[in-house]
Amino acid sequence: MHQVLIALGSNYRQNAHIQWASERLSCLLDDPHMSRKLWTQDIHGTGQWYMNRLVAGDTSLSLDEINKKLKEIETEAHRTKECVTLDLDLMLYDQERFHLRDWPRPYIQRLFPDIKQFISYENND
């Protein structure tokens, strides 16, 4: 099994899309743990509001397989560049971090304490 950490974000019908994605991920992952939901302003300064959440869990899927599943879920939510119904980013796969520019963002830093006890991650920065 592989431990994963997934960041969720939505800027359209935020609560509905984050809840729907959380339910999908609960079926995809073993022993899933959800952070609280957090409202944040768009990091690009557009004034749009996003809802964010982190989900930690275990999977038998390979790195490529889990990324493919996340993209499929985004597609099912009808995500477009303009309307981010759902953004699912694989942040951690076992001990390998991804989306390195996102780790210091305030929403990740505020939500990570909610789920850090459920993953074994050593920050060697």
Protein backbone atom coordinates (compact mmCIF):
# COMPACT_ATOMS: atom_id res chain seq x y z
CA MET A 1 0.00 0.00 0.00
CA HIS A 2 1.05 3.57 -0.68
CA GLN A 3 0.21 6.62 1.40
CA VAL A 4 -1.17 9.59 -0.50
CA LEU A 5 -2.12 13.16 0.26
CA ILE A 6 -4.49 14.89 -2.16
CA ALA A 7 -5.36 18.59 -2.24
CA LEU A 8 -8.90 19.46 -3.33
CA GLY A 9 -10.04 22.85 -4.58
CA SER A 10 -13.15 24.27 -6.23
CA ASN A 11 -14.28 27.74 -7.33
CA TYR A 12 -17.78 26.84 -8.56
CA ARG A 13 -20.54 25.33 -6.43
CA GLN A 14 -17.66 24.79 -4.07
CA ASN A 15 -19.29 22.88 -1.23
CA ALA A 16 -21.15 20.51 -3.56
CA HIS A 17 -18.06 19.73 -5.62
CA ILE A 18 -15.74 19.28 -2.62
CA GLN A 19 -18.28 17.00 -0.95
CA TRP A 20 -18.77 14.96 -4.14
CA ALA A 21 -15.00 14.60 -4.63
CA SER A 22 -14.55 13.65 -0.97
CA GLU A 23 -17.09 10.86 -1.41
CA ARG A 24 -15.37 9.67 -4.60
CA LEU A 25 -12.00 9.64 -2.87
CA SER A 26 -13.48 7.75 0.08
CA CYS A 27 -14.33 4.96 -2.35
CA LEU A 28 -10.93 5.14 -4.06
CA LEU A 29 -8.74 5.15 -0.94
CA ASP A 30 -8.37 2.78 1.98
CA ASP A 31 -8.67 4.41 5.42
CA PRO A 32 -9.35 7.95 4.11
CA HIS A 33 -9.06 10.97 6.41
CA MET A 34 -10.43 14.40 5.51
CA SER A 35 -9.34 17.79 6.74
CA ARG A 36 -11.92 20.45 7.42
CA LYS A 37 -13.03 22.60 4.47
CA LEU A 38 -11.45 26.02 4.19
CA TRP A 39 -12.48 29.08 2.17
CA THR A 40 -9.58 30.89 0.47
CA GLN A 41 -9.22 33.64 -2.08
CA ASP A 42 -7.73 32.78 -5.46
CA ILE A 43 -3.92 32.85 -5.24
CA HIS A 44 -3.82 34.83 -8.51
CA GLY A 45 -5.76 37.75 -7.04
CA THR A 46 -8.88 37.44 -9.21
CA GLY A 47 -11.17 37.82 -6.20
CA GLN A 48 -12.71 34.39 -6.74
CA TRP A 49 -13.29 32.24 -3.68
CA TYR A 50 -12.14 28.64 -3.50
CA MET A 51 -13.02 25.94 -1.06
CA ASN A 52 -10.11 23.68 -0.18
CA ARG A 53 -9.62 20.39 1.65
CA LEU A 54 -6.87 17.80 2.10
CA VAL A 55 -7.50 14.07 1.97
CA ALA A 56 -5.02 11.44 3.19
CA GLY A 57 -5.32 7.71 2.68
CA ASP A 58 -3.78 4.53 1.39
CA THR A 59 -3.94 3.06 -2.10
CA SER A 60 -2.65 0.05 -3.98
CA LEU A 61 -2.65 2.12 -7.18
CA SER A 62 0.64 3.10 -8.81
CA LEU A 63 1.63 6.75 -9.09
CA ASP A 64 0.45 6.89 -12.71
CA GLU A 65 -2.81 5.10 -11.90
CA ILE A 66 -3.75 7.43 -9.03
CA ASN A 67 -2.96 10.52 -11.13
CA LYS A 68 -5.10 9.12 -13.95
CA LYS A 69 -8.00 8.51 -11.54
CA LEU A 70 -7.74 12.07 -10.19
CA LYS A 71 -7.90 13.49 -13.73
CA GLU A 72 -10.90 11.29 -14.49
CA ILE A 73 -12.72 12.65 -11.43
CA GLU A 74 -11.92 16.23 -12.52
CA THR A 75 -13.28 15.45 -15.99
CA GLU A 76 -16.47 13.97 -14.51
CA ALA A 77 -16.96 17.27 -12.67
CA HIS A 78 -16.76 19.15 -16.02
CA ARG A 79 -13.69 21.13 -15.06
CA THR A 80 -12.53 23.81 -17.47
CA LYS A 81 -9.70 26.34 -17.28
CA GLU A 82 -12.21 29.11 -16.53
CA CYS A 83 -14.45 27.15 -14.18
CA VAL A 84 -12.50 25.05 -11.73
CA THR A 85 -15.35 22.85 -10.60
CA LEU A 86 -12.71 20.59 -9.13
CA ASP A 87 -8.93 20.60 -8.84
CA LEU A 88 -7.34 17.44 -7.43
CA ASP A 89 -3.59 17.53 -6.91
CA LEU A 90 -1.56 14.59 -5.67
CA MET A 91 0.69 16.27 -3.12
CA LEU A 92 2.36 13.21 -1.64
CA TYR A 93 2.86 9.61 -2.76
CA ASP A 94 4.64 7.67 -0.05
CA GLN A 95 7.51 10.04 0.80
CA GLU A 96 7.67 11.79 -2.58
CA ARG A 97 6.27 15.31 -2.68
CA PHE A 98 4.67 16.86 -5.76
CA HIS A 99 3.37 20.38 -6.54
CA LEU A 100 6.29 21.78 -4.57
CA ARG A 101 5.18 25.40 -5.10
CA ASP A 102 1.88 24.62 -3.36
CA TRP A 103 3.31 23.22 -0.10
CA PRO A 104 4.08 26.65 1.45
CA ARG A 105 0.70 28.12 0.44
CA PRO A 106 -1.38 29.23 3.43
CA TYR A 107 -4.30 26.87 2.75
CA ILE A 108 -1.99 23.83 2.72
CA GLN A 109 -0.24 25.02 5.87
CA ARG A 110 -3.56 25.62 7.64
CA LEU A 111 -5.14 22.29 6.62
CA PHE A 112 -2.12 20.00 6.97
CA PRO A 113 -2.32 19.80 10.80
CA ASP A 114 -5.82 18.30 10.41
CA ILE A 115 -4.47 15.16 8.73
CA LYS A 116 -0.74 14.97 9.50
CA GLN A 117 -1.29 12.34 12.19
CA PHE A 118 -2.68 9.98 9.55
CA ILE A 119 0.36 10.00 7.27
CA SER A 120 4.00 9.26 7.88
CA TYR A 121 5.82 12.11 6.24
CA GLU A 122 9.26 13.37 7.07
CA ASN A 123 9.86 16.96 6.04
CA ASN A 124 13.57 17.04 5.25
CA ASP A 125 13.60 20.60 3.89
